[in-house]
Amino acid sequence: MKSNRLHFYQTTPEELTSTILNGVDNKLQEFFDKFLKSLNTEEDELLTIEEALKILKCSNQTLWNWRKAGIIPSHRIGNRIYIKRSDINAKLIKQN
């Protein structure tokens, strides 16, 4: 880890505070950039009905009702039905 040396004898308290806050801000920005990047790749994932049921912890009938009511959109590819992880996350966030 790279460290920058601070020279306190030539630094005002305001400059020291600004330097520390800029460092913390940069580290937080790096963390959130990595976190959001991992979320974006995860949210584009298509889940089968069984996988969605495990995440939502609901019955097959409940999920079917939500799909028919448009609460959770589903996508048909061939004979299979998929649900986007982002749609499930949006539903879970709205519930709170």
Foldseek 3Di string as FASTA:
>chain_A
DDDDDDDVVPDDPVRVVVVVVVVVVVVVVVVVVVVVVVVVVQQQDWDFLVVLCVVVVDDSVVVVVCCVVVLFDWDDDPNGITGGNNSSVVSVVVVD
